[in-house]
N, C-alpha and C. Protein backbone atom coordinates (compact mmCIF):
# COMPACT_ATOMS: atom_id res chain seq x y z
N MET A 1 -4.37 -16.32 3.83
CA MET A 1 -4.03 -14.92 4.07
C MET A 1 -2.62 -14.78 4.62
N ALA A 2 -2.18 -15.75 5.42
CA ALA A 2 -0.82 -15.70 5.96
C ALA A 2 0.21 -15.75 4.85
N ASP A 3 -0.07 -16.54 3.79
CA ASP A 3 0.85 -16.63 2.66
C ASP A 3 0.98 -15.27 1.97
N LEU A 4 -0.13 -14.58 1.78
CA LEU A 4 -0.10 -13.26 1.16
C LEU A 4 0.71 -12.28 2.02
N LEU A 5 0.51 -12.31 3.31
CA LEU A 5 1.25 -11.44 4.21
C LEU A 5 2.75 -11.74 4.15
N ASN A 6 3.11 -13.00 4.11
CA ASN A 6 4.53 -13.37 4.00
C ASN A 6 5.12 -12.91 2.68
N ARG A 7 4.38 -13.05 1.58
CA ARG A 7 4.85 -12.58 0.28
C ARG A 7 5.01 -11.07 0.27
N LEU A 8 4.08 -10.37 0.89
CA LEU A 8 4.16 -8.92 0.98
C LEU A 8 5.38 -8.49 1.78
N ARG A 9 5.58 -9.12 2.91
CA ARG A 9 6.75 -8.80 3.74
C ARG A 9 8.04 -9.02 2.96
N ALA A 10 8.12 -10.13 2.23
CA ALA A 10 9.32 -10.42 1.45
C ALA A 10 9.54 -9.40 0.33
N ALA A 11 8.46 -9.01 -0.33
CA ALA A 11 8.58 -8.07 -1.45
C ALA A 11 8.97 -6.66 -1.01
N LEU A 12 8.56 -6.26 0.19
CA LEU A 12 8.79 -4.89 0.65
C LEU A 12 9.87 -4.77 1.71
N THR A 13 10.57 -5.84 1.99
CA THR A 13 11.50 -5.88 3.11
C THR A 13 12.58 -4.80 3.06
N ASP A 14 12.98 -4.36 1.89
CA ASP A 14 14.02 -3.33 1.79
C ASP A 14 13.53 -1.96 2.24
N ARG A 15 12.23 -1.73 2.24
CA ARG A 15 11.70 -0.40 2.54
C ARG A 15 10.75 -0.37 3.72
N TYR A 16 9.90 -1.40 3.84
CA TYR A 16 8.86 -1.41 4.86
C TYR A 16 8.90 -2.67 5.70
N ALA A 17 8.70 -2.52 6.99
CA ALA A 17 8.51 -3.66 7.88
C ALA A 17 7.02 -3.75 8.17
N ILE A 18 6.35 -4.69 7.54
CA ILE A 18 4.90 -4.84 7.69
C ILE A 18 4.61 -5.41 9.06
N GLU A 19 3.76 -4.69 9.83
CA GLU A 19 3.45 -5.12 11.19
C GLU A 19 2.16 -5.93 11.26
N ARG A 20 1.08 -5.37 10.70
CA ARG A 20 -0.20 -6.07 10.78
C ARG A 20 -1.20 -5.44 9.82
N GLU A 21 -2.28 -6.17 9.55
CA GLU A 21 -3.35 -5.64 8.71
C GLU A 21 -4.21 -4.69 9.53
N LEU A 22 -4.50 -3.53 8.97
CA LEU A 22 -5.38 -2.57 9.63
C LEU A 22 -6.83 -2.77 9.21
N GLY A 23 -7.03 -3.16 7.97
CA GLY A 23 -8.38 -3.35 7.47
C GLY A 23 -8.34 -3.73 6.01
N SER A 24 -9.51 -4.08 5.49
CA SER A 24 -9.58 -4.45 4.09
C SER A 24 -10.96 -4.13 3.55
N GLY A 25 -11.02 -4.02 2.24
CA GLY A 25 -12.27 -3.74 1.56
C GLY A 25 -12.36 -4.62 0.33
N GLY A 26 -13.23 -4.24 -0.58
CA GLY A 26 -13.45 -5.03 -1.77
C GLY A 26 -12.28 -5.09 -2.72
N MET A 27 -11.44 -4.04 -2.75
CA MET A 27 -10.35 -4.00 -3.72
C MET A 27 -8.97 -4.13 -3.12
N ALA A 28 -8.81 -3.80 -1.86
CA ALA A 28 -7.47 -3.74 -1.29
C ALA A 28 -7.48 -4.01 0.20
N ALA A 29 -6.28 -4.24 0.72
CA ALA A 29 -6.07 -4.36 2.15
C ALA A 29 -5.07 -3.28 2.55
N VAL A 30 -5.16 -2.81 3.78
CA VAL A 30 -4.26 -1.78 4.29
C VAL A 30 -3.50 -2.34 5.48
N TYR A 31 -2.18 -2.16 5.45
CA TYR A 31 -1.31 -2.70 6.49
C TYR A 31 -0.57 -1.57 7.20
N LEU A 32 -0.35 -1.75 8.47
CA LEU A 32 0.50 -0.85 9.24
C LEU A 32 1.93 -1.32 9.02
N ALA A 33 2.81 -0.37 8.71
CA ALA A 33 4.20 -0.71 8.44
C ALA A 33 5.12 0.38 8.97
N GLU A 34 6.36 0.01 9.16
CA GLU A 34 7.40 0.97 9.52
C GLU A 34 8.17 1.27 8.25
N ASP A 35 8.22 2.55 7.87
CA ASP A 35 8.95 3.00 6.70
C ASP A 35 10.39 3.27 7.13
N SER A 36 11.32 2.42 6.71
CA SER A 36 12.71 2.55 7.15
C SER A 36 13.38 3.79 6.58
N LYS A 37 12.97 4.24 5.42
CA LYS A 37 13.58 5.42 4.80
C LYS A 37 13.21 6.70 5.56
N HIS A 38 11.94 6.82 5.93
CA HIS A 38 11.45 8.03 6.60
C HIS A 38 11.33 7.87 8.11
N GLU A 39 11.64 6.65 8.61
CA GLU A 39 11.63 6.35 10.04
C GLU A 39 10.32 6.75 10.72
N ARG A 40 9.23 6.24 10.17
CA ARG A 40 7.92 6.48 10.78
C ARG A 40 6.93 5.41 10.33
N GLN A 41 5.82 5.34 11.05
CA GLN A 41 4.79 4.38 10.70
C GLN A 41 3.97 4.93 9.54
N VAL A 42 3.59 4.03 8.66
CA VAL A 42 2.80 4.39 7.49
C VAL A 42 1.72 3.33 7.27
N ALA A 43 0.76 3.67 6.46
CA ALA A 43 -0.23 2.70 6.00
C ALA A 43 0.14 2.32 4.58
N VAL A 44 0.21 1.03 4.31
CA VAL A 44 0.53 0.53 2.98
C VAL A 44 -0.72 -0.13 2.42
N LYS A 45 -1.21 0.40 1.32
CA LYS A 45 -2.41 -0.14 0.68
C LYS A 45 -1.99 -1.09 -0.44
N VAL A 46 -2.55 -2.29 -0.42
CA VAL A 46 -2.16 -3.33 -1.37
C VAL A 46 -3.40 -3.85 -2.09
N LEU A 47 -3.37 -3.72 -3.40
CA LEU A 47 -4.46 -4.22 -4.23
C LEU A 47 -4.53 -5.74 -4.14
N ARG A 48 -5.73 -6.29 -4.02
CA ARG A 48 -5.89 -7.74 -3.94
C ARG A 48 -5.32 -8.38 -5.21
N PRO A 49 -4.56 -9.48 -5.06
CA PRO A 49 -3.90 -10.10 -6.22
C PRO A 49 -4.87 -10.47 -7.34
N GLU A 50 -6.03 -10.97 -6.99
CA GLU A 50 -6.98 -11.38 -8.03
C GLU A 50 -7.50 -10.20 -8.84
N LEU A 51 -7.50 -9.01 -8.25
CA LEU A 51 -7.94 -7.82 -8.99
C LEU A 51 -6.80 -7.14 -9.72
N ALA A 52 -5.60 -7.29 -9.23
CA ALA A 52 -4.44 -6.62 -9.84
C ALA A 52 -4.30 -7.00 -11.31
N ALA A 53 -4.42 -8.28 -11.59
CA ALA A 53 -4.26 -8.75 -12.97
C ALA A 53 -5.41 -8.25 -13.85
N ALA A 54 -6.61 -8.24 -13.31
CA ALA A 54 -7.78 -7.85 -14.10
C ALA A 54 -7.85 -6.34 -14.34
N LEU A 55 -7.52 -5.54 -13.33
CA LEU A 55 -7.66 -4.10 -13.44
C LEU A 55 -6.41 -3.39 -13.93
N GLY A 56 -5.26 -3.96 -13.64
CA GLY A 56 -4.01 -3.30 -13.97
C GLY A 56 -3.71 -2.20 -12.96
N PRO A 57 -2.49 -1.70 -12.98
CA PRO A 57 -2.06 -0.75 -11.96
C PRO A 57 -2.66 0.65 -12.09
N GLU A 58 -3.08 1.05 -13.27
CA GLU A 58 -3.51 2.44 -13.47
C GLU A 58 -4.71 2.82 -12.62
N ARG A 59 -5.67 1.95 -12.48
CA ARG A 59 -6.84 2.26 -11.67
C ARG A 59 -6.46 2.44 -10.20
N PHE A 60 -5.57 1.60 -9.72
CA PHE A 60 -5.13 1.69 -8.33
C PHE A 60 -4.32 2.96 -8.10
N HIS A 61 -3.44 3.30 -9.02
CA HIS A 61 -2.62 4.51 -8.89
C HIS A 61 -3.45 5.78 -8.96
N GLY A 62 -4.61 5.72 -9.60
CA GLY A 62 -5.48 6.89 -9.68
C GLY A 62 -5.87 7.40 -8.31
N GLY A 63 -6.13 6.49 -7.38
CA GLY A 63 -6.48 6.90 -6.02
C GLY A 63 -5.34 7.60 -5.33
N SER A 64 -4.12 7.14 -5.56
CA SER A 64 -2.98 7.79 -4.91
C SER A 64 -2.75 9.17 -5.49
N ARG A 65 -3.05 9.36 -6.77
CA ARG A 65 -2.93 10.70 -7.36
C ARG A 65 -3.97 11.65 -6.75
N LEU A 66 -5.15 11.13 -6.45
CA LEU A 66 -6.17 11.96 -5.80
C LEU A 66 -5.70 12.42 -4.43
N ILE A 67 -5.08 11.52 -3.68
CA ILE A 67 -4.57 11.87 -2.35
C ILE A 67 -3.48 12.92 -2.47
N ASP A 68 -2.54 12.72 -3.40
CA ASP A 68 -1.44 13.66 -3.58
C ASP A 68 -1.93 15.04 -3.97
N GLY A 69 -2.98 15.11 -4.77
CA GLY A 69 -3.44 16.38 -5.30
C GLY A 69 -4.32 17.18 -4.36
N ASN A 70 -4.63 16.64 -3.19
CA ASN A 70 -5.52 17.34 -2.27
C ASN A 70 -4.89 17.41 -0.89
N PRO A 71 -4.08 18.43 -0.63
CA PRO A 71 -3.39 18.50 0.67
C PRO A 71 -4.31 18.75 1.85
N THR A 72 -5.56 19.10 1.61
CA THR A 72 -6.47 19.39 2.71
C THR A 72 -7.35 18.20 3.08
N ASN A 73 -7.09 17.03 2.50
CA ASN A 73 -7.98 15.90 2.76
C ASN A 73 -7.66 15.16 4.06
N GLY A 74 -6.64 15.59 4.79
CA GLY A 74 -6.31 14.95 6.05
C GLY A 74 -5.46 13.69 5.90
N LEU A 75 -5.12 13.33 4.69
CA LEU A 75 -4.31 12.14 4.45
C LEU A 75 -2.92 12.57 4.05
N GLY A 76 -1.94 11.83 4.52
CA GLY A 76 -0.56 12.12 4.13
C GLY A 76 -0.31 11.69 2.70
N GLY A 77 0.68 12.25 2.10
CA GLY A 77 1.05 11.87 0.74
C GLY A 77 1.71 10.51 0.71
N LYS A 78 1.89 9.99 -0.47
CA LYS A 78 2.58 8.70 -0.59
C LYS A 78 4.07 8.95 -0.69
N PHE A 79 4.85 7.99 -0.26
CA PHE A 79 6.30 8.12 -0.28
C PHE A 79 6.94 7.18 -1.26
N GLY A 80 6.23 6.16 -1.69
CA GLY A 80 6.78 5.21 -2.64
C GLY A 80 5.68 4.47 -3.32
N ARG A 81 5.94 4.04 -4.51
CA ARG A 81 4.94 3.31 -5.29
C ARG A 81 5.69 2.26 -6.06
N PRO A 82 5.17 1.02 -6.07
CA PRO A 82 5.85 0.00 -6.86
C PRO A 82 5.86 0.37 -8.33
N ARG A 83 6.89 -0.03 -9.01
CA ARG A 83 6.97 0.23 -10.45
C ARG A 83 6.01 -0.67 -11.17
N SER A 84 5.36 -0.12 -12.19
CA SER A 84 4.40 -0.89 -12.99
C SER A 84 5.11 -1.84 -13.92
């Protein structure tokens, strides 16, 4: 798990400073990070590597579209998404 965290930190270093894991589930892990562009703490959701290849990005991005489309759900919008 430390290797995955190090790879994540390296991949997102230009935008996010990953602090720690907040939690995880069957498909993804969520990390607390500092967003350098917006100067605030954010949650970064990362699809598990073994599922990313099998499912592809579209299924994962579908959840972020649901969050964006419902401003009353109590969740903030997304500020960045990796390119597919």
